[in-house]
Amino acid sequence: MSAPMDVSTTVVKDAGLEARSVNVEGGARVELETQTHAVGVITPPPDIRAIVDKTAQFVARNGPEFETRILGSEKNNAKFNFLLPADPYNA
């Protein structure tokens, strides 16, 4: 059984990043940068999230042509605005 790792954290000036120092086997100390929170991601409400998830499944199965068809056929439906590059839910 390995010994527990010693982890210390210090905040770096860049927003959202931390430097973590970890002891690994053999006593070597490794510096790691980690993201502490999501940056620029807005989670849609549950009703839109369901449409996003289902659409993503269909696009994964049927290819990007399917996404193009949805953009054309649902261009006046606000529930599919997440497909537009300027929409906050587009990621």
N, C-alpha and C. Protein backbone atom coordinates (compact mmCIF):
# COMPACT_ATOMS: atom_id res chain seq x y z
N MET A 1 0.85 -1.17 0.00
CA MET A 1 0.00 0.00 0.00
C MET A 1 0.89 1.23 0.00
N SER A 2 0.59 2.20 -0.86
CA SER A 2 1.43 3.39 -0.95
C SER A 2 1.08 4.39 0.14
N ALA A 3 2.05 5.24 0.45
CA ALA A 3 1.86 6.26 1.46
C ALA A 3 0.97 7.36 0.91
N PRO A 4 0.19 8.04 1.76
CA PRO A 4 -0.65 9.13 1.27
C PRO A 4 0.20 10.26 0.70
N MET A 5 -0.35 10.92 -0.32
CA MET A 5 0.37 12.03 -0.94
C MET A 5 0.21 13.29 -0.11
N ASP A 6 1.26 14.09 -0.07
CA ASP A 6 1.24 15.38 0.61
C ASP A 6 0.91 16.42 -0.45
N VAL A 7 -0.21 17.11 -0.31
CA VAL A 7 -0.62 18.11 -1.30
C VAL A 7 -0.70 19.45 -0.62
N SER A 8 -0.03 20.45 -1.20
CA SER A 8 -0.15 21.81 -0.70
C SER A 8 -0.62 22.69 -1.84
N THR A 9 -1.39 23.72 -1.52
CA THR A 9 -1.96 24.58 -2.54
C THR A 9 -1.56 26.02 -2.30
N THR A 10 -1.18 26.71 -3.38
CA THR A 10 -0.93 28.14 -3.32
C THR A 10 -1.64 28.78 -4.50
N VAL A 11 -2.22 29.93 -4.29
CA VAL A 11 -2.97 30.60 -5.36
C VAL A 11 -2.01 31.33 -6.28
N VAL A 12 -2.24 31.20 -7.57
CA VAL A 12 -1.47 31.89 -8.60
C VAL A 12 -2.26 33.13 -9.00
N LYS A 13 -1.61 34.15 -9.53
CA LYS A 13 -2.29 35.39 -9.87
C LYS A 13 -3.33 35.25 -10.98
N ASP A 14 -3.18 34.28 -11.89
CA ASP A 14 -4.16 34.08 -12.95
C ASP A 14 -5.47 33.63 -12.33
N ALA A 15 -6.58 34.27 -12.74
CA ALA A 15 -7.88 33.93 -12.18
C ALA A 15 -8.24 32.49 -12.50
N GLY A 16 -8.68 31.77 -11.49
CA GLY A 16 -9.14 30.41 -11.68
C GLY A 16 -8.07 29.35 -11.71
N LEU A 17 -6.80 29.70 -11.59
CA LEU A 17 -5.74 28.70 -11.61
C LEU A 17 -5.09 28.59 -10.24
N GLU A 18 -4.70 27.40 -9.89
CA GLU A 18 -3.95 27.16 -8.67
C GLU A 18 -2.73 26.33 -9.02
N ALA A 19 -1.68 26.49 -8.25
CA ALA A 19 -0.52 25.61 -8.41
C ALA A 19 -0.56 24.62 -7.26
N ARG A 20 -0.50 23.36 -7.57
CA ARG A 20 -0.51 22.32 -6.53
C ARG A 20 0.82 21.61 -6.57
N SER A 21 1.36 21.40 -5.41
CA SER A 21 2.62 20.70 -5.28
C SER A 21 2.32 19.33 -4.68
N VAL A 22 2.73 18.28 -5.37
CA VAL A 22 2.40 16.92 -4.95
C VAL A 22 3.67 16.11 -4.77
N ASN A 23 3.78 15.40 -3.64
CA ASN A 23 4.87 14.46 -3.43
C ASN A 23 4.50 13.15 -4.11
N VAL A 24 5.40 12.65 -4.93
CA VAL A 24 5.18 11.36 -5.58
C VAL A 24 6.18 10.36 -5.03
N GLU A 25 6.03 9.09 -5.42
CA GLU A 25 6.94 8.07 -4.93
C GLU A 25 8.38 8.47 -5.19
N GLY A 26 9.24 8.17 -4.27
CA GLY A 26 10.64 8.52 -4.40
C GLY A 26 10.95 9.91 -3.84
N GLY A 27 9.94 10.58 -3.31
CA GLY A 27 10.17 11.88 -2.69
C GLY A 27 10.23 13.05 -3.66
N ALA A 28 10.05 12.81 -4.95
CA ALA A 28 10.08 13.91 -5.91
C ALA A 28 8.83 14.77 -5.75
N ARG A 29 9.00 16.06 -5.89
CA ARG A 29 7.88 17.00 -5.77
C ARG A 29 7.55 17.53 -7.16
N VAL A 30 6.28 17.44 -7.57
CA VAL A 30 5.85 17.84 -8.90
C VAL A 30 4.87 19.00 -8.76
N GLU A 31 5.07 20.06 -9.56
CA GLU A 31 4.16 21.21 -9.58
C GLU A 31 3.12 21.00 -10.68
N LEU A 32 1.86 21.19 -10.34
CA LEU A 32 0.77 21.04 -11.30
C LEU A 32 -0.08 22.30 -11.29
N GLU A 33 -0.54 22.75 -12.46
CA GLU A 33 -1.52 23.82 -12.52
C GLU A 33 -2.87 23.19 -12.74
N THR A 34 -3.86 23.62 -11.96
CA THR A 34 -5.20 23.07 -12.11
C THR A 34 -6.22 24.18 -12.25
N GLN A 35 -7.29 23.90 -12.96
CA GLN A 35 -8.40 24.83 -13.12
C GLN A 35 -9.31 24.62 -11.92
N THR A 36 -9.70 25.69 -11.25
CA THR A 36 -10.52 25.53 -10.06
C THR A 36 -12.01 25.67 -10.33
N HIS A 37 -12.39 26.26 -11.46
CA HIS A 37 -13.80 26.37 -11.80
C HIS A 37 -13.96 26.55 -13.30
N ALA A 38 -15.16 26.26 -13.78
CA ALA A 38 -15.45 26.41 -15.20
C ALA A 38 -15.42 27.88 -15.57
N VAL A 39 -14.80 28.19 -16.68
CA VAL A 39 -14.70 29.57 -17.13
C VAL A 39 -15.50 29.72 -18.42
N GLY A 40 -16.46 30.63 -18.42
CA GLY A 40 -17.19 30.94 -19.64
C GLY A 40 -18.23 29.91 -20.05
N VAL A 41 -18.63 29.02 -19.16
CA VAL A 41 -19.65 28.03 -19.48
C VAL A 41 -20.94 28.41 -18.76
N ILE A 42 -22.02 28.54 -19.53
CA ILE A 42 -23.32 28.86 -18.96
C ILE A 42 -24.20 27.63 -19.13
N THR A 43 -24.73 27.12 -18.04
CA THR A 43 -25.57 25.94 -18.09
C THR A 43 -27.00 26.34 -18.44
N PRO A 44 -27.58 25.74 -19.48
CA PRO A 44 -28.96 26.10 -19.86
C PRO A 44 -29.97 25.54 -18.86
N PRO A 45 -31.18 26.10 -18.86
CA PRO A 45 -32.24 25.56 -18.00
C PRO A 45 -32.59 24.14 -18.44
N PRO A 46 -33.22 23.36 -17.56
CA PRO A 46 -33.48 21.95 -17.85
C PRO A 46 -34.22 21.68 -19.17
N ASP A 47 -35.19 22.52 -19.53
CA ASP A 47 -35.94 22.26 -20.76
C ASP A 47 -35.05 22.41 -22.00
N ILE A 48 -34.19 23.42 -22.00
CA ILE A 48 -33.25 23.61 -23.13
C ILE A 48 -32.17 22.54 -23.08
N ARG A 49 -31.71 22.19 -21.89
CA ARG A 49 -30.67 21.16 -21.74
C ARG A 49 -31.12 19.83 -22.35
N ALA A 50 -32.39 19.49 -22.15
CA ALA A 50 -32.92 18.25 -22.72
C ALA A 50 -32.86 18.29 -24.24
N ILE A 51 -33.20 19.43 -24.83
CA ILE A 51 -33.14 19.58 -26.29
C ILE A 51 -31.70 19.53 -26.78
N VAL A 52 -30.80 20.18 -26.06
CA VAL A 52 -29.37 20.16 -26.41
C VAL A 52 -28.85 18.73 -26.40
N ASP A 53 -29.14 18.00 -25.32
CA ASP A 53 -28.64 16.62 -25.20
C ASP A 53 -29.19 15.72 -26.30
N LYS A 54 -30.50 15.81 -26.56
CA LYS A 54 -31.12 14.96 -27.58
C LYS A 54 -30.59 15.32 -28.96
N THR A 55 -30.44 16.62 -29.24
CA THR A 55 -29.91 17.05 -30.54
C THR A 55 -28.48 16.57 -30.72
N ALA A 56 -27.68 16.65 -29.66
CA ALA A 56 -26.30 16.18 -29.73
C ALA A 56 -26.24 14.69 -30.04
N GLN A 57 -27.15 13.91 -29.47
CA GLN A 57 -27.20 12.47 -29.76
C GLN A 57 -27.52 12.23 -31.24
N PHE A 58 -28.50 12.97 -31.76
CA PHE A 58 -28.88 12.81 -33.17
C PHE A 58 -27.75 13.23 -34.10
N VAL A 59 -27.08 14.34 -33.77
CA VAL A 59 -25.97 14.81 -34.62
C VAL A 59 -24.82 13.81 -34.57
N ALA A 60 -24.55 13.25 -33.39
CA ALA A 60 -23.48 12.26 -33.28
C ALA A 60 -23.80 11.03 -34.13
N ARG A 61 -25.07 10.64 -34.17
CA ARG A 61 -25.48 9.47 -34.93
C ARG A 61 -25.58 9.74 -36.43
N ASN A 62 -26.09 10.93 -36.80
CA ASN A 62 -26.43 11.22 -38.20
C ASN A 62 -25.46 12.17 -38.90
N GLY A 63 -24.52 12.74 -38.17
CA GLY A 63 -23.50 13.58 -38.78
C GLY A 63 -23.86 15.06 -38.82
N PRO A 64 -22.88 15.88 -39.22
CA PRO A 64 -23.07 17.34 -39.23
C PRO A 64 -24.15 17.80 -40.21
N GLU A 65 -24.47 16.99 -41.22
CA GLU A 65 -25.53 17.36 -42.16
C GLU A 65 -26.87 17.48 -41.42
N PHE A 66 -27.05 16.62 -40.43
CA PHE A 66 -28.27 16.67 -39.63
C PHE A 66 -28.37 18.00 -38.88
N GLU A 67 -27.26 18.45 -38.33
CA GLU A 67 -27.24 19.74 -37.63
C GLU A 67 -27.59 20.87 -38.59
N THR A 68 -27.07 20.82 -39.80
CA THR A 68 -27.35 21.84 -40.81
C THR A 68 -28.85 21.84 -41.15
N ARG A 69 -29.44 20.65 -41.27
CA ARG A 69 -30.88 20.56 -41.57
C ARG A 69 -31.70 21.15 -40.43
N ILE A 70 -31.30 20.88 -39.19
CA ILE A 70 -32.03 21.43 -38.03
C ILE A 70 -31.92 22.95 -38.03
N LEU A 71 -30.72 23.46 -38.31
CA LEU A 71 -30.55 24.92 -38.36
C LEU A 71 -31.49 25.54 -39.37
N GLY A 72 -31.67 24.88 -40.52
CA GLY A 72 -32.57 25.40 -41.54
C GLY A 72 -34.03 25.28 -41.18
N SER A 73 -34.43 24.13 -40.68
CA SER A 73 -35.85 23.89 -40.41
C SER A 73 -36.33 24.54 -39.11
N GLU A 74 -35.44 24.80 -38.18
CA GLU A 74 -35.82 25.36 -36.87
C GLU A 74 -35.26 26.76 -36.65
N LYS A 75 -34.96 27.48 -37.74
CA LYS A 75 -34.33 28.80 -37.60
C LYS A 75 -35.19 29.81 -36.84
N ASN A 76 -36.51 29.62 -36.84
CA ASN A 76 -37.40 30.53 -36.12
C ASN A 76 -37.81 29.99 -34.75
N ASN A 77 -37.23 28.88 -34.34
CA ASN A 77 -37.56 28.27 -33.06
C ASN A 77 -36.44 28.60 -32.06
N ALA A 78 -36.75 29.43 -31.07
CA ALA A 78 -35.75 29.90 -30.11
C ALA A 78 -35.13 28.75 -29.30
N LYS A 79 -35.82 27.61 -29.21
CA LYS A 79 -35.28 26.47 -28.46
C LYS A 79 -34.05 25.87 -29.12
N PHE A 80 -33.82 26.20 -30.39
CA PHE A 80 -32.65 25.67 -31.10
C PHE A 80 -31.58 26.75 -31.34
N ASN A 81 -31.72 27.89 -30.67
CA ASN A 81 -30.71 28.96 -30.80
C ASN A 81 -29.33 28.53 -30.32
N PHE A 82 -29.26 27.50 -29.47
CA PHE A 82 -27.96 27.04 -28.97
C PHE A 82 -27.06 26.55 -30.11
N LEU A 83 -27.64 26.29 -31.28
CA LEU A 83 -26.85 25.87 -32.43
C LEU A 83 -26.15 27.04 -33.10
N LEU A 84 -26.56 28.25 -32.79
CA LEU A 84 -25.98 29.45 -33.38
C LEU A 84 -24.71 29.86 -32.62
N PRO A 85 -23.65 30.23 -33.34
CA PRO A 85 -22.37 30.56 -32.66
C PRO A 85 -22.47 31.69 -31.64
N ALA A 86 -23.37 32.64 -31.83
CA ALA A 86 -23.48 33.79 -30.91
C ALA A 86 -24.31 33.48 -29.66
N ASP A 87 -24.97 32.34 -29.61
CA ASP A 87 -25.82 32.01 -28.47
C ASP A 87 -24.97 31.65 -27.24
N PRO A 88 -25.35 32.13 -26.05
CA PRO A 88 -24.55 31.84 -24.84
C PRO A 88 -24.49 30.35 -24.49
N TYR A 89 -25.46 29.56 -24.95
CA TYR A 89 -25.44 28.12 -24.66
C TYR A 89 -24.65 27.32 -25.68
N ASN A 90 -24.14 27.97 -26.72
CA ASN A 90 -23.33 27.30 -27.73
C ASN A 90 -21.92 27.12 -27.20
N ALA A 91 -21.46 25.88 -27.15
CA ALA A 91 -20.11 25.63 -26.65
C ALA A 91 -19.40 24.64 -27.53
